[in-house]
Structures are given as C-alpha cells and as structure tokens.
Amino acid sequence: MADQGAENVVYTAEFIDGPLAGQVDTRVLIQGKHDARVSMMAAVEGVETLFWYDEEDVRDVQGRVHVRYRFDAGESDPFLPTGERE
C-alpha cells in the first residue's frame, strides 16, 4: 500500500523555457521546502551539459506544490537551440 503522506514530501517542477522547456519532473522537498535554484544535466550532441534554472513562481495545484523554473543562460553551459544549428 502506498504511503498516504508521500504527496507531502514531493513537488512538481516545471521548466518553462530554455533547453528543457516543457519538461515536468517530480522532486523531493527538503525539510518541507522546494529548491529555489536547480541544476539539470542533459546530453547535447553527446556532451554532458549543465543547465541552471531559477524559481519563477510557486503555487498550489490540487494540494501539491507546483514550482515553475526559468532558464539561467548566463550560468549554464553554452548550447545551440535546435533552430540555430547549421
């Protein structure tokens, strides 16, 4: 049987722009709080690339914390969006 309190220890992270635009993840709350800044690794043309995202806003969606994150291009590894590749 699933733990009924499990919803109280996770939150939804939505990446609203940048290379991970549209991706939604479930992340763990640390001491009841979400991360204001997150790093994500992704392979871009076979190379591991680090992307940084900052909290844009927080809201409650059906009793669960939902955080939207905005891409921080200045702190992230460089990459070329799909439309700009030759």
Protein backbone atom coordinates (compact mmCIF):
# COMPACT_ATOMS: atom_id res chain seq x y z
CA MET A 1 0.00 0.00 0.00
CA ALA A 2 1.30 3.49 -0.90
CA ASP A 3 2.12 5.91 1.88
CA GLN A 4 -0.69 8.48 2.12
CA GLY A 5 1.84 11.13 3.20
CA ALA A 6 4.00 10.74 0.10
CA GLU A 7 2.36 13.76 -1.59
CA ASN A 8 3.60 15.93 1.30
CA VAL A 9 7.28 15.25 0.55
CA VAL A 10 7.35 15.85 -3.20
CA TYR A 11 6.59 18.76 -5.51
CA THR A 12 6.16 19.31 -9.22
CA ALA A 13 8.90 21.20 -11.07
CA GLU A 14 8.02 22.69 -14.47
CA PHE A 15 10.74 24.08 -16.74
CA ILE A 16 9.15 26.92 -18.71
CA ASP A 17 11.94 27.89 -21.11
CA GLY A 18 15.47 27.07 -22.24
CA PRO A 19 16.65 23.65 -23.39
CA LEU A 20 14.30 21.78 -21.03
CA ALA A 21 11.19 23.86 -21.89
CA GLY A 22 8.04 21.87 -21.26
CA GLN A 23 9.70 19.19 -19.12
CA VAL A 24 7.91 18.41 -15.85
CA ASP A 25 9.60 16.48 -13.02
CA THR A 26 8.69 15.30 -9.54
CA ARG A 27 11.26 16.44 -7.00
CA VAL A 28 11.67 15.90 -3.25
CA LEU A 29 11.02 18.64 -0.72
CA ILE A 30 13.99 19.13 1.63
CA GLN A 31 12.83 19.91 5.18
CA GLY A 32 9.45 20.80 3.69
CA LYS A 33 10.85 23.29 1.17
CA HIS A 34 11.38 23.27 -2.58
CA ASP A 35 14.64 24.30 -4.26
CA ALA A 36 14.81 27.95 -5.34
CA ARG A 37 17.57 27.04 -7.84
CA VAL A 38 18.11 23.70 -9.54
CA SER A 39 20.74 22.26 -11.85
CA MET A 40 19.92 19.74 -14.53
CA MET A 41 22.28 17.64 -16.65
CA ALA A 42 21.41 16.79 -20.24
CA ALA A 43 23.29 15.33 -23.19
CA VAL A 44 23.58 17.80 -26.07
CA GLU A 45 25.03 16.13 -29.15
CA GLY A 46 26.62 13.52 -26.90
CA VAL A 47 28.21 16.02 -24.50
CA GLU A 48 27.03 16.32 -20.88
CA THR A 49 25.78 19.86 -20.38
CA LEU A 50 24.82 21.58 -17.11
CA PHE A 51 21.75 23.83 -17.12
CA TRP A 52 20.73 26.11 -14.23
CA TYR A 53 17.13 27.10 -13.53
CA ASP A 54 15.76 29.64 -11.03
CA GLU A 55 12.35 29.70 -9.37
CA GLU A 56 9.86 31.84 -11.29
CA ASP A 57 6.78 31.27 -9.13
CA VAL A 58 5.14 28.80 -6.74
CA ARG A 59 1.52 27.75 -6.44
CA ASP A 60 -0.67 25.02 -5.06
CA VAL A 61 -2.16 22.70 -7.69
CA GLN A 62 -4.70 20.28 -6.25
CA GLY A 63 -2.93 20.21 -2.89
CA ARG A 64 0.59 19.80 -4.27
CA VAL A 65 3.36 22.42 -4.51
CA HIS A 66 4.00 23.34 -8.16
CA VAL A 67 7.14 25.39 -8.94
CA ARG A 68 7.87 26.92 -12.34
CA TYR A 69 11.56 27.43 -13.17
CA ARG A 70 13.15 29.86 -15.66
CA PHE A 71 16.41 29.10 -17.51
CA ASP A 72 19.57 30.95 -16.42
CA ALA A 73 21.58 31.09 -19.65
CA GLY A 74 24.40 33.14 -18.09
CA GLU A 75 25.24 30.45 -15.54
CA SER A 76 24.56 27.41 -17.74
CA ASP A 77 26.89 25.66 -20.15
CA PRO A 78 26.52 27.03 -23.70
CA PHE A 79 24.32 25.19 -26.18
CA LEU A 80 22.70 25.93 -29.52
CA PRO A 81 18.91 25.68 -29.68
CA THR A 82 17.72 23.22 -32.35
CA GLY A 83 16.59 26.03 -34.67
CA GLU A 84 20.03 27.70 -34.67
CA ARG A 85 22.17 24.72 -35.68
CA GLU A 86 23.66 24.59 -39.14
